[in-house]
Amino acid sequence: MPRLFTLFTTFAMLSASLVPVLSLTSGIYTICKVRGDRFCLHMRFGANEEIQLEPPTGGQRQQWLVTQVGSEDFILMNSAVGCQVTRGSKDSIDVPICLDDLGSVVTVSQAPGPAEDAYFIAVPGATPPRIAHDTFVNPMNATFSDPNTDSEGIYTEFRFIRVSDSI
């Protein structure tokens, strides 16, 4: 029996080590798409507006306070504007917006592949749920994409580039 216990314990430890661990923690980040031209989430027009994607500037409008509230649940707040990422509607479609009075928890999950710092960002209640950059339909603003979409010109993987540990 002791061998069975040892075997079970070893198996449990190996299984736990194979489960992907989310390495993203609370802090201040610039969030940029992984593939294609380098564009980052940007708040050009302020609170209660759509989120843009623009080339990196290093400015506060591209810095996001990332607060972990669960294993894959986060609040993303723009550091310059003070608004939080949520879903909104414009022209009867869901779009990612940044509200100053109401935000939501987003789900950040590790994207499969070799890049350890590539993530999907999903907004609960949005249909489809995953934040994306559709370079053909809407090249300037963030949009949503179906999780099963793998199309040229639609990018759903984002890299969180740490700017600071403090929030």
Protein backbone atom coordinates (compact mmCIF):
# COMPACT_ATOMS: atom_id res chain seq x y z
CA MET A 1 0.00 0.00 0.00
CA PRO A 2 2.77 2.53 0.66
CA ARG A 3 3.90 2.13 -2.94
CA LEU A 4 0.40 2.81 -4.22
CA PHE A 5 0.27 6.01 -2.15
CA THR A 6 3.71 7.07 -3.44
CA LEU A 7 2.68 6.31 -7.01
CA PHE A 8 -0.56 8.28 -6.60
CA THR A 9 1.28 11.25 -5.05
CA THR A 10 3.86 11.28 -7.84
CA PHE A 11 1.13 11.11 -10.48
CA ALA A 12 -0.78 13.98 -8.84
CA MET A 13 2.35 16.16 -8.71
CA LEU A 14 3.17 15.47 -12.36
CA SER A 15 -0.40 16.20 -13.43
CA ALA A 16 -0.39 19.50 -11.56
CA SER A 17 2.85 20.53 -13.23
CA LEU A 18 1.36 19.94 -16.70
CA VAL A 19 -1.56 22.32 -16.13
CA PRO A 20 -0.77 25.75 -17.63
CA VAL A 21 -0.28 28.39 -14.98
CA LEU A 22 -1.32 31.94 -15.78
CA SER A 23 1.77 34.07 -15.25
CA LEU A 24 -0.10 37.36 -15.49
CA THR A 25 -0.35 39.22 -12.17
CA SER A 26 -1.61 42.63 -11.06
CA GLY A 27 0.39 45.61 -12.30
CA ILE A 28 0.53 48.26 -15.02
CA TYR A 29 0.82 46.93 -18.58
CA THR A 30 0.78 47.96 -22.20
CA ILE A 31 -1.42 45.45 -24.05
CA CYS A 32 -0.40 44.84 -27.68
CA LYS A 33 -1.50 42.30 -30.25
CA VAL A 34 0.99 39.50 -30.89
CA ARG A 35 0.80 38.93 -34.66
CA GLY A 36 0.87 41.37 -37.57
CA ASP A 37 1.80 45.01 -37.15
CA ARG A 38 2.39 45.96 -33.54
CA PHE A 39 -0.67 47.79 -32.30
CA CYS A 40 -1.65 48.37 -28.67
CA LEU A 41 -4.96 49.00 -26.90
CA HIS A 42 -5.33 52.78 -26.73
CA MET A 43 -7.89 55.23 -25.29
CA ARG A 44 -7.77 58.12 -27.77
CA PHE A 45 -11.18 59.66 -27.06
CA GLY A 46 -11.53 59.13 -23.32
CA ALA A 47 -14.07 57.40 -21.13
CA ASN A 48 -17.33 55.94 -22.42
CA GLU A 49 -15.84 55.43 -25.88
CA GLU A 50 -14.56 52.58 -28.00
CA ILE A 51 -11.07 51.21 -27.46
CA GLN A 52 -8.65 51.91 -30.30
CA LEU A 53 -5.58 50.01 -31.51
CA GLU A 54 -2.60 52.21 -32.36
CA PRO A 55 1.18 51.86 -32.73
CA PRO A 56 3.05 51.96 -29.39
CA THR A 57 3.49 55.45 -27.94
CA GLY A 58 4.67 54.74 -24.42
CA GLY A 59 2.01 57.14 -23.14
CA GLN A 60 -0.51 56.64 -20.34
CA ARG A 61 -3.40 56.22 -22.78
CA GLN A 62 -1.84 52.85 -23.65
CA GLN A 63 -1.17 51.84 -20.04
CA TRP A 64 -3.66 49.58 -18.30
CA LEU A 65 -3.98 48.88 -14.58
CA VAL A 66 -4.45 45.12 -14.49
CA THR A 67 -6.01 43.91 -11.24
CA GLN A 68 -6.35 40.18 -10.66
CA VAL A 69 -9.64 39.24 -8.97
CA GLY A 70 -9.65 35.48 -9.70
CA SER A 71 -7.47 32.81 -11.28
CA GLU A 72 -8.26 34.04 -14.83
CA ASP A 73 -10.42 37.04 -13.93
CA PHE A 74 -9.07 40.58 -14.18
CA ILE A 75 -10.20 44.20 -14.23
CA LEU A 76 -8.53 46.28 -16.95
CA MET A 77 -8.57 50.02 -16.22
CA ASN A 78 -6.92 52.65 -18.40
CA SER A 79 -4.41 54.58 -16.29
CA ALA A 80 -4.91 57.93 -18.05
CA VAL A 81 -8.69 57.95 -18.30
CA GLY A 82 -9.67 55.78 -15.32
CA CYS A 83 -12.23 53.75 -17.26
CA GLN A 84 -12.67 49.98 -17.26
CA VAL A 85 -12.98 47.59 -20.20
CA THR A 86 -16.46 46.18 -20.72
CA ARG A 87 -18.83 45.49 -23.58
CA GLY A 88 -21.00 48.17 -25.06
CA SER A 89 -23.06 48.62 -28.16
CA LYS A 90 -22.66 50.85 -31.14
CA ASP A 91 -24.86 50.56 -34.20
CA SER A 92 -26.55 47.52 -32.58
CA ILE A 93 -23.34 45.47 -32.34
CA ASP A 94 -21.25 44.65 -29.31
CA VAL A 95 -17.93 46.47 -29.14
CA PRO A 96 -15.24 46.71 -26.44
CA ILE A 97 -15.58 50.06 -24.70
CA CYS A 98 -14.11 51.71 -21.64
CA LEU A 99 -16.66 53.01 -19.13
CA ASP A 100 -15.86 55.28 -16.22
CA ASP A 101 -18.88 54.37 -14.12
CA LEU A 102 -19.29 50.68 -14.87
CA GLY A 103 -16.71 48.11 -15.74
CA SER A 104 -16.64 44.40 -15.79
CA VAL A 105 -14.35 41.56 -15.03
CA VAL A 106 -12.69 40.13 -18.12
CA THR A 107 -11.31 36.63 -18.52
CA VAL A 108 -7.67 36.40 -19.57
CA SER A 109 -6.52 32.96 -20.68
CA GLN A 110 -3.21 31.80 -22.03
CA ALA A 111 -3.16 31.33 -25.80
CA PRO A 112 -1.82 28.00 -27.02
CA GLY A 113 1.55 28.04 -28.71
CA PRO A 114 5.18 28.76 -27.96
CA ALA A 115 4.73 32.33 -26.65
CA GLU A 116 4.24 32.14 -22.89
CA ASP A 117 3.07 35.74 -22.70
CA ALA A 118 0.31 35.53 -25.34
CA TYR A 119 -3.24 35.76 -24.00
CA PHE A 120 -6.85 35.87 -25.12
CA ILE A 121 -9.07 38.55 -23.52
CA ALA A 122 -12.77 37.65 -23.29
CA VAL A 123 -15.55 39.91 -22.04
CA PRO A 124 -18.40 37.99 -20.38
CA GLY A 125 -21.76 38.72 -21.95
CA ALA A 126 -20.32 39.81 -25.29
CA THR A 127 -21.27 37.82 -28.36
CA PRO A 128 -18.77 36.82 -29.66
CA PRO A 129 -16.70 37.19 -26.48
CA ARG A 130 -13.04 37.56 -27.48
CA ILE A 131 -11.45 41.01 -27.96
CA ALA A 132 -9.82 41.19 -31.38
CA HIS A 133 -8.26 43.45 -33.98
CA ASP A 134 -9.98 42.99 -37.33
CA THR A 135 -7.65 44.78 -39.72
CA PHE A 136 -10.05 44.49 -42.68
CA VAL A 137 -13.42 45.50 -41.19
CA ASN A 138 -12.36 47.95 -38.46
CA PRO A 139 -8.61 48.68 -38.52
CA MET A 140 -8.69 51.47 -35.91
CA ASN A 141 -10.93 50.07 -33.14
CA ALA A 142 -10.98 46.92 -31.07
CA THR A 143 -13.80 44.55 -31.88
CA PHE A 144 -15.01 41.10 -30.82
CA SER A 145 -14.31 37.80 -32.53
CA ASP A 146 -15.54 34.25 -32.18
CA PRO A 147 -13.06 32.04 -30.26
CA ASN A 148 -12.98 29.62 -33.20
CA THR A 149 -12.00 32.28 -35.73
CA ASP A 150 -8.54 31.86 -37.16
CA SER A 151 -8.55 34.16 -40.13
CA GLU A 152 -5.93 36.30 -41.80
CA GLY A 153 -6.39 39.87 -40.63
CA ILE A 154 -8.21 39.01 -37.39
CA TYR A 155 -5.91 38.96 -34.39
CA THR A 156 -7.07 37.76 -30.98
CA GLU A 157 -3.79 37.13 -29.15
CA PHE A 158 -2.41 39.92 -26.99
CA ARG A 159 0.85 40.37 -25.13
CA PHE A 160 0.81 42.08 -21.73
CA ILE A 161 4.04 44.12 -21.48
CA ARG A 162 4.73 45.05 -17.86
CA VAL A 163 5.38 48.76 -17.27
CA SER A 164 5.29 48.73 -13.46
CA ASP A 165 4.46 46.43 -10.56
CA SER A 166 2.67 49.12 -8.57
CA ILE A 167 -1.01 49.81 -9.04
